[in-house]
Amino acid sequence: LAAYTAAHDWGNSPRPCAQVLLYPVADALQSSPSLRRLARAPMWNAGNNAHMWAWYLQGCTEASPLTMPLCPPPPPAYVEVAGCDCLRGEGLRFAGRLKALGGAVTVHEVPGAPHGFDLLQNAPATKDALHRRMAFLNSVWAT
């Protein structure tokens, strides 16, 4: 939803100043190698992903963040992916698309983590990720 909001033509209204994309779902075609390689990953898997796209877009694949029209340059983005998440590949591809359109993109990959790793509030990886997210937001608000 953040990607759709950031891509929207706001006319004379101010655009969002940033987008924070945590393990983003970005490929309605579900073509990422990580989706196939980690099809049975914990927390979020290929079956959940297929069901979500079928429900969310009702078959309208042209609204995929990887292929939808974007107004360049996109707002600055923080893209966080988990190393053992089936969505890892499409998150990295979307970050690359934002960069190609001239966007300032901060990418953080949490190695060895599954989708939803940050539910473990006291885990070192969660604390680090929260620190990085806040540092990004602080840097955007400071400008």
C-alpha atoms as a PDB file:
ATOM      1  CA  LEU A   1       0.000   0.000   0.000  1.00  0.00           C
ATOM      2  CA  ALA A   2       2.892   2.377   0.687  1.00  0.00           C
ATOM      3  CA  ALA A   3       4.216   1.809  -2.838  1.00  0.00           C
ATOM      4  CA  TYR A   4       0.785   2.549  -4.346  1.00  0.00           C
ATOM      5  CA  THR A   5       0.416   5.687  -2.233  1.00  0.00           C
ATOM      6  CA  ALA A   6       3.878   6.939  -3.201  1.00  0.00           C
ATOM      7  CA  ALA A   7       3.179   6.263  -6.894  1.00  0.00           C
ATOM      8  CA  HIS A   8      -0.166   8.105  -6.921  1.00  0.00           C
ATOM      9  CA  ASP A   9      -0.433  11.402  -8.822  1.00  0.00           C
ATOM     10  CA  TRP A  10      -1.293  13.840  -6.065  1.00  0.00           C
ATOM     11  CA  GLY A  11      -1.800  16.798  -8.408  1.00  0.00           C
ATOM     12  CA  ASN A  12      -1.137  20.036  -6.511  1.00  0.00           C
ATOM     13  CA  SER A  13      -1.044  18.280  -3.142  1.00  0.00           C
ATOM     14  CA  PRO A  14       2.301  17.365  -1.609  1.00  0.00           C
ATOM     15  CA  ARG A  15       3.527  13.853  -2.308  1.00  0.00           C
ATOM     16  CA  PRO A  16       4.503  11.554   0.545  1.00  0.00           C
ATOM     17  CA  CYS A  17       7.968  12.495   1.791  1.00  0.00           C
ATOM     18  CA  ALA A  18       9.118   8.858   2.032  1.00  0.00           C
ATOM     19  CA  GLN A  19       8.119   5.233   1.831  1.00  0.00           C
ATOM     20  CA  VAL A  20       9.042   2.462   4.252  1.00  0.00           C
ATOM     21  CA  LEU A  21       8.650  -0.937   2.621  1.00  0.00           C
ATOM     22  CA  LEU A  22       9.112  -3.917   4.955  1.00  0.00           C
ATOM     23  CA  TYR A  23       9.437  -7.193   3.049  1.00  0.00           C
ATOM     24  CA  PRO A  24       7.338  -5.703   0.266  1.00  0.00           C
ATOM     25  CA  VAL A  25       4.965  -7.732  -1.854  1.00  0.00           C
ATOM     26  CA  ALA A  26       5.736  -6.271  -5.270  1.00  0.00           C
ATOM     27  CA  ASP A  27       5.307  -8.879  -8.028  1.00  0.00           C
ATOM     28  CA  ALA A  28       1.764  -9.875  -8.956  1.00  0.00           C
ATOM     29  CA  LEU A  29       3.207 -12.278 -11.539  1.00  0.00           C
ATOM     30  CA  GLN A  30       5.037 -14.065  -8.691  1.00  0.00           C
ATOM     31  CA  SER A  31       8.097 -14.629 -10.855  1.00  0.00           C
ATOM     32  CA  SER A  32      10.841 -14.207  -8.243  1.00  0.00           C
ATOM     33  CA  PRO A  33      13.354 -17.057  -7.914  1.00  0.00           C
ATOM     34  CA  SER A  34      13.198 -16.652  -4.126  1.00  0.00           C
ATOM     35  CA  LEU A  35       9.446 -17.309  -4.235  1.00  0.00           C
ATOM     36  CA  ARG A  36      10.141 -20.661  -5.863  1.00  0.00           C
ATOM     37  CA  ARG A  37      13.239 -21.465  -3.787  1.00  0.00           C
ATOM     38  CA  LEU A  38      11.547 -20.603  -0.487  1.00  0.00           C
ATOM     39  CA  ALA A  39       8.041 -21.708  -1.473  1.00  0.00           C
ATOM     40  CA  ARG A  40       7.477 -23.392   1.889  1.00  0.00           C
ATOM     41  CA  ALA A  41       9.132 -20.755   4.072  1.00  0.00           C
ATOM     42  CA  PRO A  42       7.694 -20.116   7.548  1.00  0.00           C
ATOM     43  CA  MET A  43       5.318 -17.207   8.260  1.00  0.00           C
ATOM     44  CA  TRP A  44       4.731 -16.285   4.591  1.00  0.00           C
ATOM     45  CA  ASN A  45       5.023 -18.727   1.712  1.00  0.00           C
ATOM     46  CA  ALA A  46       4.188 -19.116  -1.963  1.00  0.00           C
ATOM     47  CA  GLY A  47       0.684 -20.403  -1.191  1.00  0.00           C
ATOM     48  CA  ASN A  48      -0.117 -17.431   1.040  1.00  0.00           C
ATOM     49  CA  ASN A  49       1.294 -15.115  -1.604  1.00  0.00           C
ATOM     50  CA  ALA A  50      -0.829 -16.585  -4.404  1.00  0.00           C
ATOM     51  CA  HIS A  51      -3.955 -16.376  -2.250  1.00  0.00           C
ATOM     52  CA  MET A  52      -3.201 -12.745  -1.317  1.00  0.00           C
ATOM     53  CA  TRP A  53      -2.750 -11.650  -4.942  1.00  0.00           C
ATOM     54  CA  ALA A  54      -5.920 -13.468  -6.041  1.00  0.00           C
ATOM     55  CA  TRP A  55      -7.917 -11.753  -3.293  1.00  0.00           C
ATOM     56  CA  TYR A  56      -6.282  -8.333  -3.378  1.00  0.00           C
ATOM     57  CA  LEU A  57      -6.174  -7.586  -7.089  1.00  0.00           C
ATOM     58  CA  GLN A  58      -8.914  -9.854  -8.382  1.00  0.00           C
ATOM     59  CA  GLY A  59      -6.633 -10.922 -11.267  1.00  0.00           C
ATOM     60  CA  CYS A  60      -5.484  -7.397 -12.210  1.00  0.00           C
ATOM     61  CA  THR A  61      -1.735  -8.075 -12.566  1.00  0.00           C
ATOM     62  CA  GLU A  62      -0.958  -4.738 -14.230  1.00  0.00           C
ATOM     63  CA  ALA A  63      -1.273  -3.064 -10.816  1.00  0.00           C
ATOM     64  CA  SER A  64       1.857  -4.817  -9.547  1.00  0.00           C
ATOM     65  CA  PRO A  65       4.378  -2.386  -7.977  1.00  0.00           C
ATOM     66  CA  LEU A  66       7.053  -3.914 -10.227  1.00  0.00           C
ATOM     67  CA  THR A  67       5.157  -2.943 -13.368  1.00  0.00           C
ATOM     68  CA  MET A  68       2.747  -0.123 -12.446  1.00  0.00           C
ATOM     69  CA  PRO A  69       3.486   3.419 -13.620  1.00  0.00           C
ATOM     70  CA  LEU A  70       5.598   5.420 -11.183  1.00  0.00           C
ATOM     71  CA  CYS A  71       6.084   9.189 -11.148  1.00  0.00           C
ATOM     72  CA  PRO A  72       9.834   9.829 -11.219  1.00  0.00           C
ATOM     73  CA  PRO A  73      11.584  10.507  -9.064  1.00  0.00           C
ATOM     74  CA  PRO A  74       9.905   8.398  -6.387  1.00  0.00           C
ATOM     75  CA  PRO A  75      10.018   9.563  -2.768  1.00  0.00           C
ATOM     76  CA  PRO A  76      13.012   8.282  -0.789  1.00  0.00           C
ATOM     77  CA  ALA A  77      12.531   4.657   0.181  1.00  0.00           C
ATOM     78  CA  TYR A  78      13.682   2.307   2.902  1.00  0.00           C
ATOM     79  CA  VAL A  79      13.338  -1.277   1.667  1.00  0.00           C
ATOM     80  CA  GLU A  80      13.863  -4.065   4.171  1.00  0.00           C
ATOM     81  CA  VAL A  81      13.975  -7.706   3.146  1.00  0.00           C
ATOM     82  CA  ALA A  82      14.520 -10.862   5.175  1.00  0.00           C
ATOM     83  CA  GLY A  83      17.145 -13.283   3.888  1.00  0.00           C
ATOM     84  CA  CYS A  84      14.942 -16.394   4.269  1.00  0.00           C
ATOM     85  CA  ASP A  85      11.729 -14.814   3.025  1.00  0.00           C
ATOM     86  CA  CYS A  86      10.132 -15.903  -0.233  1.00  0.00           C
ATOM     87  CA  LEU A  87       9.484 -12.176  -0.932  1.00  0.00           C
ATOM     88  CA  ARG A  88      13.197 -11.271  -0.755  1.00  0.00           C
ATOM     89  CA  GLY A  89      13.765 -11.229  -4.532  1.00  0.00           C
ATOM     90  CA  GLU A  90      10.810  -9.065  -5.444  1.00  0.00           C
ATOM     91  CA  GLY A  91      11.655  -6.607  -2.678  1.00  0.00           C
ATOM     92  CA  LEU A  92      15.184  -6.240  -4.032  1.00  0.00           C
ATOM     93  CA  ARG A  93      13.884  -5.916  -7.596  1.00  0.00           C
ATOM     94  CA  PHE A  94      11.464  -3.180  -6.554  1.00  0.00           C
ATOM     95  CA  ALA A  95      14.274  -1.341  -4.759  1.00  0.00           C
ATOM     96  CA  GLY A  96      16.259  -1.541  -8.006  1.00  0.00           C
ATOM     97  CA  ARG A  97      13.318  -0.133  -9.946  1.00  0.00           C
ATOM     98  CA  LEU A  98      13.038   2.821  -7.570  1.00  0.00           C
ATOM     99  CA  LYS A  99      16.779   3.479  -7.907  1.00  0.00           C
ATOM    100  CA  ALA A 100      16.552   3.305 -11.710  1.00  0.00           C
ATOM    101  CA  LEU A 101      13.876   6.019 -11.592  1.00  0.00           C
ATOM    102  CA  GLY A 102      16.225   8.299  -9.672  1.00  0.00           C
ATOM    103  CA  GLY A 103      14.955   7.543  -6.187  1.00  0.00           C
ATOM    104  CA  ALA A 104      17.119   7.582  -3.086  1.00  0.00           C
ATOM    105  CA  VAL A 105      16.824   4.023  -1.791  1.00  0.00           C
ATOM    106  CA  THR A 106      18.178   2.502   1.399  1.00  0.00           C
ATOM    107  CA  VAL A 107      18.147  -1.304   1.325  1.00  0.00           C
ATOM    108  CA  HIS A 108      18.606  -3.411   4.430  1.00  0.00           C
ATOM    109  CA  GLU A 109      18.679  -7.193   4.218  1.00  0.00           C
ATOM    110  CA  VAL A 110      18.381  -9.159   7.449  1.00  0.00           C
ATOM    111  CA  PRO A 111      20.476 -12.273   6.783  1.00  0.00           C
ATOM    112  CA  GLY A 112      18.992 -15.607   7.834  1.00  0.00           C
ATOM    113  CA  ALA A 113      15.713 -14.063   8.985  1.00  0.00           C
ATOM    114  CA  PRO A 114      12.243 -15.255   7.946  1.00  0.00           C
ATOM    115  CA  HIS A 115       9.304 -13.046   7.020  1.00  0.00           C
ATOM    116  CA  GLY A 116       7.901 -11.551  10.213  1.00  0.00           C
ATOM    117  CA  PHE A 117      11.166 -11.863  12.134  1.00  0.00           C
ATOM    118  CA  ASP A 118      10.427  -8.558  13.845  1.00  0.00           C
ATOM    119  CA  LEU A 119       7.594 -10.114  15.843  1.00  0.00           C
ATOM    120  CA  LEU A 120      10.373 -11.207  18.202  1.00  0.00           C
ATOM    121  CA  GLN A 121      10.652  -7.795  19.829  1.00  0.00           C
ATOM    122  CA  ASN A 122      13.768  -8.451  21.906  1.00  0.00           C
ATOM    123  CA  ALA A 123      15.785 -10.238  19.226  1.00  0.00           C
ATOM    124  CA  PRO A 124      19.000  -8.441  18.213  1.00  0.00           C
ATOM    125  CA  ALA A 125      17.947  -8.487  14.536  1.00  0.00           C
ATOM    126  CA  THR A 126      14.660  -6.792  15.428  1.00  0.00           C
ATOM    127  CA  LYS A 127      16.337  -4.136  17.536  1.00  0.00           C
ATOM    128  CA  ASP A 128      18.814  -3.449  14.743  1.00  0.00           C
ATOM    129  CA  ALA A 129      16.050  -3.261  12.123  1.00  0.00           C
ATOM    130  CA  LEU A 130      13.998  -0.862  14.257  1.00  0.00           C
ATOM    131  CA  HIS A 131      17.054   1.329  14.746  1.00  0.00           C
ATOM    132  CA  ARG A 132      17.672   1.400  10.964  1.00  0.00           C
ATOM    133  CA  ARG A 133      14.034   2.211  10.209  1.00  0.00           C
ATOM    134  CA  MET A 134      14.011   5.099  12.666  1.00  0.00           C
ATOM    135  CA  ALA A 135      17.365   6.399  11.391  1.00  0.00           C
ATOM    136  CA  PHE A 136      15.912   6.466   7.865  1.00  0.00           C
ATOM    137  CA  LEU A 137      12.756   8.297   8.984  1.00  0.00           C
ATOM    138  CA  ASN A 138      14.796  10.765  11.022  1.00  0.00           C
ATOM    139  CA  SER A 139      17.005  11.465   7.995  1.00  0.00           C
ATOM    140  CA  VAL A 140      13.968  12.142   5.803  1.00  0.00           C
ATOM    141  CA  TRP A 141      12.242  14.361   8.368  1.00  0.00           C
ATOM    142  CA  ALA A 142      15.472  16.311   8.933  1.00  0.00           C
ATOM    143  CA  THR A 143      15.475  17.531   5.302  1.00  0.00           C
END
